[in-house]
Amino acid sequence: MSETVLTIVICYDVVSAGPRRRIAKLLEERMVRVQQSVFEARMTARAANRLFDRARRMAEEEDSLRMYVLPRDGLTRSRAAGGAPLPEEGSFWIL
């Protein structure tokens, strides 16, 4: 049985440059950067929680890291201007 794919938003406010770079690099591997410290992706809750936990371990005590889960119709009710688009839902190949 497959897990439900959710729209996930992770954002951070990280004080020190080193941890900030490491967290950004980690999130860029699995998510789309839509603003300097805001990332979006479609993934399962399990994958999102693993990613968040890895990022949290890189952060320091004074840093802030947030993860938001949008409901299935969340994107249709959301608005955006500019920035990178979130990849389309579903499986496809680009040749």
PDB file of N, CA and C in Angstrom:
ATOM      1  N   MET A   1       0.847  -1.173   0.000  1.00  0.00           N
ATOM      2  CA  MET A   1       0.000   0.000   0.000  1.00  0.00           C
ATOM      3  C   MET A   1       0.899   1.245   0.000  1.00  0.00           C
ATOM      4  N   SER A   2       0.618   2.171  -0.886  1.00  0.00           N
ATOM      5  CA  SER A   2       1.450   3.367  -0.988  1.00  0.00           C
ATOM      6  C   SER A   2       0.975   4.426  -0.006  1.00  0.00           C
ATOM      7  N   GLU A   3       1.917   5.262   0.416  1.00  0.00           N
ATOM      8  CA  GLU A   3       1.604   6.351   1.322  1.00  0.00           C
ATOM      9  C   GLU A   3       1.093   7.554   0.538  1.00  0.00           C
ATOM     10  N   THR A   4       0.315   8.372   1.187  1.00  0.00           N
ATOM     11  CA  THR A   4      -0.216   9.578   0.572  1.00  0.00           C
ATOM     12  C   THR A   4       0.906  10.598   0.382  1.00  0.00           C
ATOM     13  N   VAL A   5       0.941  11.197  -0.788  1.00  0.00           N
ATOM     14  CA  VAL A   5       1.918  12.247  -1.065  1.00  0.00           C
ATOM     15  C   VAL A   5       1.291  13.580  -0.693  1.00  0.00           C
ATOM     16  N   LEU A   6       2.014  14.345   0.124  1.00  0.00           N
ATOM     17  CA  LEU A   6       1.541  15.621   0.641  1.00  0.00           C
ATOM     18  C   LEU A   6       2.369  16.761   0.083  1.00  0.00           C
ATOM     19  N   THR A   7       1.834  17.960   0.130  1.00  0.00           N
ATOM     20  CA  THR A   7       2.612  19.147  -0.213  1.00  0.00           C
ATOM     21  C   THR A   7       3.193  19.682   1.089  1.00  0.00           C
ATOM     22  N   ILE A   8       4.508  19.761   1.130  1.00  0.00           N
ATOM     23  CA  ILE A   8       5.242  20.135   2.335  1.00  0.00           C
ATOM     24  C   ILE A   8       5.963  21.461   2.106  1.00  0.00           C
ATOM     25  N   VAL A   9       5.937  22.316   3.108  1.00  0.00           N
ATOM     26  CA  VAL A   9       6.702  23.559   3.100  1.00  0.00           C
ATOM     27  C   VAL A   9       7.613  23.535   4.328  1.00  0.00           C
ATOM     28  N   ILE A  10       8.908  23.722   4.113  1.00  0.00           N
ATOM     29  CA  ILE A  10       9.864  23.852   5.210  1.00  0.00           C
ATOM     30  C   ILE A  10      10.538  25.205   5.073  1.00  0.00           C
ATOM     31  N   CYS A  11      10.622  25.927   6.179  1.00  0.00           N
ATOM     32  CA  CYS A  11      11.307  27.218   6.188  1.00  0.00           C
ATOM     33  C   CYS A  11      12.180  27.300   7.431  1.00  0.00           C
ATOM     34  N   TYR A  12      13.153  28.180   7.387  1.00  0.00           N
ATOM     35  CA  TYR A  12      14.066  28.293   8.530  1.00  0.00           C
ATOM     36  C   TYR A  12      14.567  29.721   8.699  1.00  0.00           C
ATOM     37  N   ASP A  13      15.037  29.978   9.908  1.00  0.00           N
ATOM     38  CA  ASP A  13      15.764  31.191  10.247  1.00  0.00           C
ATOM     39  C   ASP A  13      16.965  30.709  11.038  1.00  0.00           C
ATOM     40  N   VAL A  14      18.100  30.592  10.367  1.00  0.00           N
ATOM     41  CA  VAL A  14      19.309  30.029  10.964  1.00  0.00           C
ATOM     42  C   VAL A  14      20.351  31.128  11.076  1.00  0.00           C
ATOM     43  N   VAL A  15      20.862  31.343  12.276  1.00  0.00           N
ATOM     44  CA  VAL A  15      21.752  32.455  12.570  1.00  0.00           C
ATOM     45  C   VAL A  15      23.128  32.299  11.927  1.00  0.00           C
ATOM     46  N   SER A  16      23.787  31.172  12.146  1.00  0.00           N
ATOM     47  CA  SER A  16      25.175  30.976  11.694  1.00  0.00           C
ATOM     48  C   SER A  16      25.238  30.488  10.245  1.00  0.00           C
ATOM     49  N   ALA A  17      26.221  30.996   9.531  1.00  0.00           N
ATOM     50  CA  ALA A  17      26.358  30.690   8.102  1.00  0.00           C
ATOM     51  C   ALA A  17      26.609  29.205   7.833  1.00  0.00           C
ATOM     52  N   GLY A  18      27.431  28.552   8.625  1.00  0.00           N
ATOM     53  CA  GLY A  18      27.762  27.146   8.388  1.00  0.00           C
ATOM     54  C   GLY A  18      26.538  26.247   8.442  1.00  0.00           C
ATOM     55  N   PRO A  19      25.816  26.242   9.565  1.00  0.00           N
ATOM     56  CA  PRO A  19      24.606  25.421   9.618  1.00  0.00           C
ATOM     57  C   PRO A  19      23.580  25.825   8.561  1.00  0.00           C
ATOM     58  N   ARG A  20      23.474  27.114   8.279  1.00  0.00           N
ATOM     59  CA  ARG A  20      22.503  27.592   7.275  1.00  0.00           C
ATOM     60  C   ARG A  20      22.826  26.997   5.909  1.00  0.00           C
ATOM     61  N   ARG A  21      24.103  26.976   5.525  1.00  0.00           N
ATOM     62  CA  ARG A  21      24.511  26.394   4.232  1.00  0.00           C
ATOM     63  C   ARG A  21      24.224  24.895   4.188  1.00  0.00           C
ATOM     64  N   ARG A  22      24.541  24.201   5.282  1.00  0.00           N
ATOM     65  CA  ARG A  22      24.314  22.750   5.318  1.00  0.00           C
ATOM     66  C   ARG A  22      22.820  22.419   5.231  1.00  0.00           C
ATOM     67  N   ILE A  23      21.990  23.156   5.948  1.00  0.00           N
ATOM     68  CA  ILE A  23      20.549  22.918   5.906  1.00  0.00           C
ATOM     69  C   ILE A  23      20.004  23.228   4.513  1.00  0.00           C
ATOM     70  N   ALA A  24      20.434  24.345   3.937  1.00  0.00           N
ATOM     71  CA  ALA A  24      19.980  24.704   2.589  1.00  0.00           C
ATOM     72  C   ALA A  24      20.364  23.620   1.583  1.00  0.00           C
ATOM     73  N   LYS A  25      21.583  23.127   1.669  1.00  0.00           N
ATOM     74  CA  LYS A  25      22.036  22.090   0.739  1.00  0.00           C
ATOM     75  C   LYS A  25      21.193  20.821   0.901  1.00  0.00           C
ATOM     76  N   LEU A  26      20.930  20.428   2.133  1.00  0.00           N
ATOM     77  CA  LEU A  26      20.105  19.252   2.392  1.00  0.00           C
ATOM     78  C   LEU A  26      18.708  19.420   1.795  1.00  0.00           C
ATOM     79  N   LEU A  27      18.088  20.560   2.050  1.00  0.00           N
ATOM     80  CA  LEU A  27      16.728  20.784   1.556  1.00  0.00           C
ATOM     81  C   LEU A  27      16.695  20.893   0.037  1.00  0.00           C
ATOM     82  N   GLU A  28      17.712  21.499  -0.569  1.00  0.00           N
ATOM     83  CA  GLU A  28      17.762  21.623  -2.034  1.00  0.00           C
ATOM     84  C   GLU A  28      17.842  20.265  -2.726  1.00  0.00           C
ATOM     85  N   GLU A  29      18.341  19.247  -2.041  1.00  0.00           N
ATOM     86  CA  GLU A  29      18.433  17.907  -2.629  1.00  0.00           C
ATOM     87  C   GLU A  29      17.056  17.283  -2.842  1.00  0.00           C
ATOM     88  N   ARG A  30      16.061  17.659  -2.033  1.00  0.00           N
ATOM     89  CA  ARG A  30      14.741  17.028  -2.090  1.00  0.00           C
ATOM     90  C   ARG A  30      13.590  17.985  -2.348  1.00  0.00           C
ATOM     91  N   MET A  31      13.865  19.290  -2.303  1.00  0.00           N
ATOM     92  CA  MET A  31      12.784  20.271  -2.368  1.00  0.00           C
ATOM     93  C   MET A  31      13.113  21.368  -3.375  1.00  0.00           C
ATOM     94  N   VAL A  32      12.117  22.182  -3.679  1.00  0.00           N
ATOM     95  CA  VAL A  32      12.294  23.333  -4.565  1.00  0.00           C
ATOM     96  C   VAL A  32      12.421  24.570  -3.680  1.00  0.00           C
ATOM     97  N   ARG A  33      13.485  25.328  -3.894  1.00  0.00           N
ATOM     98  CA  ARG A  33      13.661  26.565  -3.150  1.00  0.00           C
ATOM     99  C   ARG A  33      12.769  27.623  -3.788  1.00  0.00           C
ATOM    100  N   VAL A  34      11.816  28.161  -3.015  1.00  0.00           N
ATOM    101  CA  VAL A  34      10.899  29.158  -3.541  1.00  0.00           C
ATOM    102  C   VAL A  34      11.219  30.558  -3.032  1.00  0.00           C
ATOM    103  N   GLN A  35      11.949  30.643  -1.950  1.00  0.00           N
ATOM    104  CA  GLN A  35      12.495  31.895  -1.430  1.00  0.00           C
ATOM    105  C   GLN A  35      13.800  31.546  -0.752  1.00  0.00           C
ATOM    106  N   GLN A  36      14.509  32.539  -0.269  1.00  0.00           N
ATOM    107  CA  GLN A  36      15.837  32.310   0.300  1.00  0.00           C
ATOM    108  C   GLN A  36      15.850  31.184   1.338  1.00  0.00           C
ATOM    109  N   SER A  37      14.880  31.156   2.226  1.00  0.00           N
ATOM    110  CA  SER A  37      14.869  30.129   3.269  1.00  0.00           C
ATOM    111  C   SER A  37      13.544  29.371   3.319  1.00  0.00           C
ATOM    112  N   VAL A  38      12.873  29.269   2.180  1.00  0.00           N
ATOM    113  CA  VAL A  38      11.579  28.568   2.103  1.00  0.00           C
ATOM    114  C   VAL A  38      11.639  27.542   0.972  1.00  0.00           C
ATOM    115  N   PHE A  39      11.248  26.310   1.285  1.00  0.00           N
ATOM    116  CA  PHE A  39      11.319  25.201   0.334  1.00  0.00           C
ATOM    117  C   PHE A  39       9.977  24.488   0.285  1.00  0.00           C
ATOM    118  N   GLU A  40       9.618  23.991  -0.902  1.00  0.00           N
ATOM    119  CA  GLU A  40       8.375  23.240  -1.094  1.00  0.00           C
ATOM    120  C   GLU A  40       8.692  21.920  -1.789  1.00  0.00           C
ATOM    121  N   ALA A  41       7.862  20.923  -1.499  1.00  0.00           N
ATOM    122  CA  ALA A  41       8.011  19.621  -2.173  1.00  0.00           C
ATOM    123  C   ALA A  41       6.748  18.811  -1.995  1.00  0.00           C
ATOM    124  N   ARG A  42       6.627  17.800  -2.830  1.00  0.00           N
ATOM    125  CA  ARG A  42       5.595  16.778  -2.653  1.00  0.00           C
ATOM    126  C   ARG A  42       6.313  15.519  -2.193  1.00  0.00           C
ATOM    127  N   MET A  43       5.908  15.029  -1.029  1.00  0.00           N
ATOM    128  CA  MET A  43       6.523  13.820  -0.476  1.00  0.00           C
ATOM    129  C   MET A  43       5.606  13.241   0.589  1.00  0.00           C
ATOM    130  N   THR A  44       5.918  12.045   1.013  1.00  0.00           N
ATOM    131  CA  THR A  44       5.125  11.411   2.068  1.00  0.00           C
ATOM    132  C   THR A  44       5.456  12.045   3.416  1.00  0.00           C
ATOM    133  N   ALA A  45       4.558  11.853   4.367  1.00  0.00           N
ATOM    134  CA  ALA A  45       4.794  12.366   5.723  1.00  0.00           C
ATOM    135  C   ALA A  45       6.052  11.745   6.313  1.00  0.00           C
ATOM    136  N   ARG A  46       6.265  10.466   6.054  1.00  0.00           N
ATOM    137  CA  ARG A  46       7.456   9.784   6.579  1.00  0.00           C
ATOM    138  C   ARG A  46       8.736  10.428   6.023  1.00  0.00           C
ATOM    139  N   ALA A  47       8.774  10.671   4.722  1.00  0.00           N
ATOM    140  CA  ALA A  47       9.954  11.295   4.111  1.00  0.00           C
ATOM    141  C   ALA A  47      10.144  12.720   4.618  1.00  0.00           C
ATOM    142  N   ALA A  48       9.048  13.462   4.761  1.00  0.00           N
ATOM    143  CA  ALA A  48       9.129  14.839   5.249  1.00  0.00           C
ATOM    144  C   ALA A  48       9.652  14.880   6.678  1.00  0.00           C
ATOM    145  N   ASN A  49       9.179  13.990   7.519  1.00  0.00           N
ATOM    146  CA  ASN A  49       9.645  13.959   8.908  1.00  0.00           C
ATOM    147  C   ASN A  49      11.114  13.571   9.010  1.00  0.00           C
ATOM    148  N   ARG A  50      11.551  12.630   8.182  1.00  0.00           N
ATOM    149  CA  ARG A  50      12.980  12.263   8.168  1.00  0.00           C
ATOM    150  C   ARG A  50      13.838  13.453   7.751  1.00  0.00           C
ATOM    151  N   LEU A  51      13.398  14.152   6.697  1.00  0.00           N
ATOM    152  CA  LEU A  51      14.137  15.312   6.204  1.00  0.00           C
ATOM    153  C   LEU A  51      14.174  16.406   7.265  1.00  0.00           C
ATOM    154  N   PHE A  52      13.045  16.695   7.883  1.00  0.00           N
ATOM    155  CA  PHE A  52      12.983  17.713   8.928  1.00  0.00           C
ATOM    156  C   PHE A  52      13.911  17.351  10.092  1.00  0.00           C
ATOM    157  N   ASP A  53      13.886  16.097  10.513  1.00  0.00           N
ATOM    158  CA  ASP A  53      14.738  15.663  11.621  1.00  0.00           C
ATOM    159  C   ASP A  53      16.216  15.815  11.293  1.00  0.00           C
ATOM    160  N   ARG A  54      16.590  15.486  10.049  1.00  0.00           N
ATOM    161  CA  ARG A  54      17.990  15.669   9.637  1.00  0.00           C
ATOM    162  C   ARG A  54      18.383  17.139   9.671  1.00  0.00           C
ATOM    163  N   ALA A  55      17.513  18.007   9.164  1.00  0.00           N
ATOM    164  CA  ALA A  55      17.792  19.445   9.171  1.00  0.00           C
ATOM    165  C   ALA A  55      17.870  19.969  10.600  1.00  0.00           C
ATOM    166  N   ARG A  56      16.984  19.508  11.462  1.00  0.00           N
ATOM    167  CA  ARG A  56      16.977  19.972  12.858  1.00  0.00           C
ATOM    168  C   ARG A  56      18.278  19.621  13.563  1.00  0.00           C
ATOM    169  N   ARG A  57      18.830  18.460  13.274  1.00  0.00           N
ATOM    170  CA  ARG A  57      20.103  18.068  13.892  1.00  0.00           C
ATOM    171  C   ARG A  57      21.248  18.973  13.451  1.00  0.00           C
ATOM    172  N   MET A  58      21.127  19.596  12.291  1.00  0.00           N
ATOM    173  CA  MET A  58      22.161  20.514  11.798  1.00  0.00           C
ATOM    174  C   MET A  58      22.037  21.913  12.402  1.00  0.00           C
ATOM    175  N   ALA A  59      20.844  22.232  12.899  1.00  0.00           N
ATOM    176  CA  ALA A  59      20.578  23.572  13.427  1.00  0.00           C
ATOM    177  C   ALA A  59      21.107  23.698  14.851  1.00  0.00           C
ATOM    178  N   GLU A  60      21.226  24.935  15.290  1.00  0.00           N
ATOM    179  CA  GLU A  60      21.645  25.216  16.658  1.00  0.00           C
ATOM    180  C   GLU A  60      20.430  25.605  17.484  1.00  0.00           C
ATOM    181  N   GLU A  61      20.592  25.652  18.791  1.00  0.00           N
ATOM    182  CA  GLU A  61      19.468  25.879  19.700  1.00  0.00           C
ATOM    183  C   GLU A  61      18.689  27.160  19.409  1.00  0.00           C
ATOM    184  N   GLU A  62      19.369  28.232  19.028  1.00  0.00           N
ATOM    185  CA  GLU A  62      18.698  29.517  18.799  1.00  0.00           C
ATOM    186  C   GLU A  62      18.033  29.617  17.424  1.00  0.00           C
ATOM    187  N   ASP A  63      18.196  28.603  16.578  1.00  0.00           N
ATOM    188  CA  ASP A  63      17.630  28.621  15.230  1.00  0.00           C
ATOM    189  C   ASP A  63      16.162  28.209  15.236  1.00  0.00           C
ATOM    190  N   SER A  64      15.464  28.600  14.184  1.00  0.00           N
ATOM    191  CA  SER A  64      14.056  28.249  14.010  1.00  0.00           C
ATOM    192  C   SER A  64      13.902  27.465  12.713  1.00  0.00           C
ATOM    193  N   LEU A  65      13.215  26.352  12.810  1.00  0.00           N
ATOM    194  CA  LEU A  65      12.950  25.499  11.646  1.00  0.00           C
ATOM    195  C   LEU A  65      11.489  25.093  11.727  1.00  0.00           C
ATOM    196  N   ARG A  66      10.728  25.307  10.644  1.00  0.00           N
ATOM    197  CA  ARG A  66       9.296  25.010  10.618  1.00  0.00           C
ATOM    198  C   ARG A  66       8.955  24.119   9.431  1.00  0.00           C
ATOM    199  N   MET A  67       7.990  23.229   9.640  1.00  0.00           N
ATOM    200  CA  MET A  67       7.467  22.413   8.555  1.00  0.00           C
ATOM    201  C   MET A  67       5.948  22.542   8.578  1.00  0.00           C
ATOM    202  N   TYR A  68       5.384  22.845   7.406  1.00  0.00           N
ATOM    203  CA  TYR A  68       3.938  22.961   7.253  1.00  0.00           C
ATOM    204  C   TYR A  68       3.473  21.948   6.220  1.00  0.00           C
ATOM    205  N   VAL A  69       2.318  21.355   6.465  1.00  0.00           N
ATOM    206  CA  VAL A  69       1.729  20.387   5.549  1.00  0.00           C
ATOM    207  C   VAL A  69       0.445  21.000   4.998  1.00  0.00           C
ATOM    208  N   LEU A  70       0.382  21.123   3.666  1.00  0.00           N
ATOM    209  CA  LEU A  70      -0.818  21.657   3.033  1.00  0.00           C
ATOM    210  C   LEU A  70      -1.794  20.524   2.758  1.00  0.00           C
ATOM    211  N   PRO A  71      -3.082  20.759   2.970  1.00  0.00           N
ATOM    212  CA  PRO A  71      -4.067  19.730   2.613  1.00  0.00           C
ATOM    213  C   PRO A  71      -4.076  19.525   1.095  1.00  0.00           C
ATOM    214  N   ARG A  72      -4.684  18.448   0.662  1.00  0.00           N
ATOM    215  CA  ARG A  72      -4.689  18.087  -0.771  1.00  0.00           C
ATOM    216  C   ARG A  72      -5.130  19.242  -1.656  1.00  0.00           C
ATOM    217  N   ASP A  73      -6.141  19.997  -1.245  1.00  0.00           N
ATOM    218  CA  ASP A  73      -6.592  21.123  -2.061  1.00  0.00           C
ATOM    219  C   ASP A  73      -5.875  22.433  -1.703  1.00  0.00           C
ATOM    220  N   GLY A  74      -4.855  22.350  -0.869  1.00  0.00           N
ATOM    221  CA  GLY A  74      -4.156  23.551  -0.423  1.00  0.00           C
ATOM    222  C   GLY A  74      -3.545  24.371  -1.540  1.00  0.00           C
ATOM    223  N   LEU A  75      -2.970  23.716  -2.533  1.00  0.00           N
ATOM    224  CA  LEU A  75      -2.346  24.463  -3.630  1.00  0.00           C
ATOM    225  C   LEU A  75      -3.387  25.169  -4.490  1.00  0.00           C
ATOM    226  N   THR A  76      -4.552  24.567  -4.658  1.00  0.00           N
ATOM    227  CA  THR A  76      -5.574  25.217  -5.483  1.00  0.00           C
ATOM    228  C   THR A  76      -6.135  26.456  -4.794  1.00  0.00           C
ATOM    229  N   ARG A  77      -6.009  26.508  -3.476  1.00  0.00           N
ATOM    230  CA  ARG A  77      -6.502  27.666  -2.734  1.00  0.00           C
ATOM    231  C   ARG A  77      -5.386  28.645  -2.379  1.00  0.00           C
ATOM    232  N   SER A  78      -4.162  28.340  -2.772  1.00  0.00           N
ATOM    233  CA  SER A  78      -3.014  29.190  -2.465  1.00  0.00           C
ATOM    234  C   SER A  78      -2.695  30.096  -3.638  1.00  0.00           C
ATOM    235  N   ARG A  79      -1.922  31.128  -3.366  1.00  0.00           N
ATOM    236  CA  ARG A  79      -1.513  32.056  -4.426  1.00  0.00           C
ATOM    237  C   ARG A  79      -0.009  32.261  -4.347  1.00  0.00           C
ATOM    238  N   ALA A  80       0.607  32.495  -5.493  1.00  0.00           N
ATOM    239  CA  ALA A  80       2.043  32.755  -5.567  1.00  0.00           C
ATOM    240  C   ALA A  80       2.314  33.650  -6.762  1.00  0.00           C
ATOM    241  N   ALA A  81       3.354  34.449  -6.642  1.00  0.00           N
ATOM    242  CA  ALA A  81       3.817  35.280  -7.758  1.00  0.00           C
ATOM    243  C   ALA A  81       5.338  35.192  -7.791  1.00  0.00           C
ATOM    244  N   GLY A  82       5.866  34.761  -8.923  1.00  0.00           N
ATOM    245  CA  GLY A  82       7.312  34.646  -9.071  1.00  0.00           C
ATOM    246  C   GLY A  82       7.855  33.415  -8.371  1.00  0.00           C
ATOM    247  N   GLY A  83       9.153  33.238  -8.468  1.00  0.00           N
ATOM    248  CA  GLY A  83       9.805  32.101  -7.837  1.00  0.00           C
ATOM    249  C   GLY A  83       9.679  30.844  -8.661  1.00  0.00           C
ATOM    250  N   ALA A  84      10.329  29.810  -8.183  1.00  0.00           N
ATOM    251  CA  ALA A  84      10.335  28.528  -8.877  1.00  0.00           C
ATOM    252  C   ALA A  84       9.009  27.819  -8.684  1.00  0.00           C
ATOM    253  N   PRO A  85       8.502  27.163  -9.727  1.00  0.00           N
ATOM    254  CA  PRO A  85       7.247  26.414  -9.585  1.00  0.00           C
ATOM    255  C   PRO A  85       7.489  25.087  -8.884  1.00  0.00           C
ATOM    256  N   LEU A  86       6.499  24.633  -8.173  1.00  0.00           N
ATOM    257  CA  LEU A  86       6.542  23.319  -7.563  1.00  0.00           C
ATOM    258  C   LEU A  86       6.351  22.292  -8.672  1.00  0.00           C
ATOM    259  N   PRO A  87       7.166  21.233  -8.727  1.00  0.00           N
ATOM    260  CA  PRO A  87       7.008  20.233  -9.792  1.00  0.00           C
ATOM    261  C   PRO A  87       5.592  19.672  -9.807  1.00  0.00           C
ATOM    262  N   GLU A  88       5.123  19.351 -10.989  1.00  0.00           N
ATOM    263  CA  GLU A  88       3.779  18.803 -11.153  1.00  0.00           C
ATOM    264  C   GLU A  88       3.651  17.473 -10.427  1.00  0.00           C
ATOM    265  N   GLU A  89       2.462  17.191  -9.932  1.00  0.00           N
ATOM    266  CA  GLU A  89       2.186  15.939  -9.257  1.00  0.00           C
ATOM    267  C   GLU A  89       2.089  14.824 -10.288  1.00  0.00           C
ATOM    268  N   GLY A  90       2.566  13.651  -9.924  1.00  0.00           N
ATOM    269  CA  GLY A  90       2.451  12.506 -10.811  1.00  0.00           C
ATOM    270  C   GLY A  90       3.787  12.083 -11.372  1.00  0.00           C
ATOM    271  N   SER A  91       3.802  10.948 -12.001  1.00  0.00           N
ATOM    272  CA  SER A  91       5.019  10.403 -12.582  1.00  0.00           C
ATOM    273  C   SER A  91       5.108  10.807 -14.054  1.00  0.00           C
ATOM    274  N   PHE A  92       6.264  11.263 -14.454  1.00  0.00           N
ATOM    275  CA  PHE A  92       6.506  11.574 -15.844  1.00  0.00           C
ATOM    276  C   PHE A  92       8.006  11.599 -16.097  1.00  0.00           C
ATOM    277  N   TRP A  93       8.349  11.533 -17.365  1.00  0.00           N
ATOM    278  CA  TRP A  93       9.747  11.545 -17.774  1.00  0.00           C
ATOM    279  C   TRP A  93       9.984  12.756 -18.671  1.00  0.00           C
ATOM    280  N   ILE A  94      11.105  13.393 -18.476  1.00  0.00           N
ATOM    281  CA  ILE A  94      11.516  14.481 -19.370  1.00  0.00           C
ATOM    282  C   ILE A  94      12.664  13.943 -20.206  1.00  0.00           C
ATOM    283  N   LEU A  95      12.515  13.936 -21.511  1.00  0.00           N
ATOM    284  CA  LEU A  95      13.542  13.399 -22.404  1.00  0.00           C
ATOM    285  C   LEU A  95      14.186  14.509 -23.191  1.00  0.00           C
TER     286      LEU A  95
END
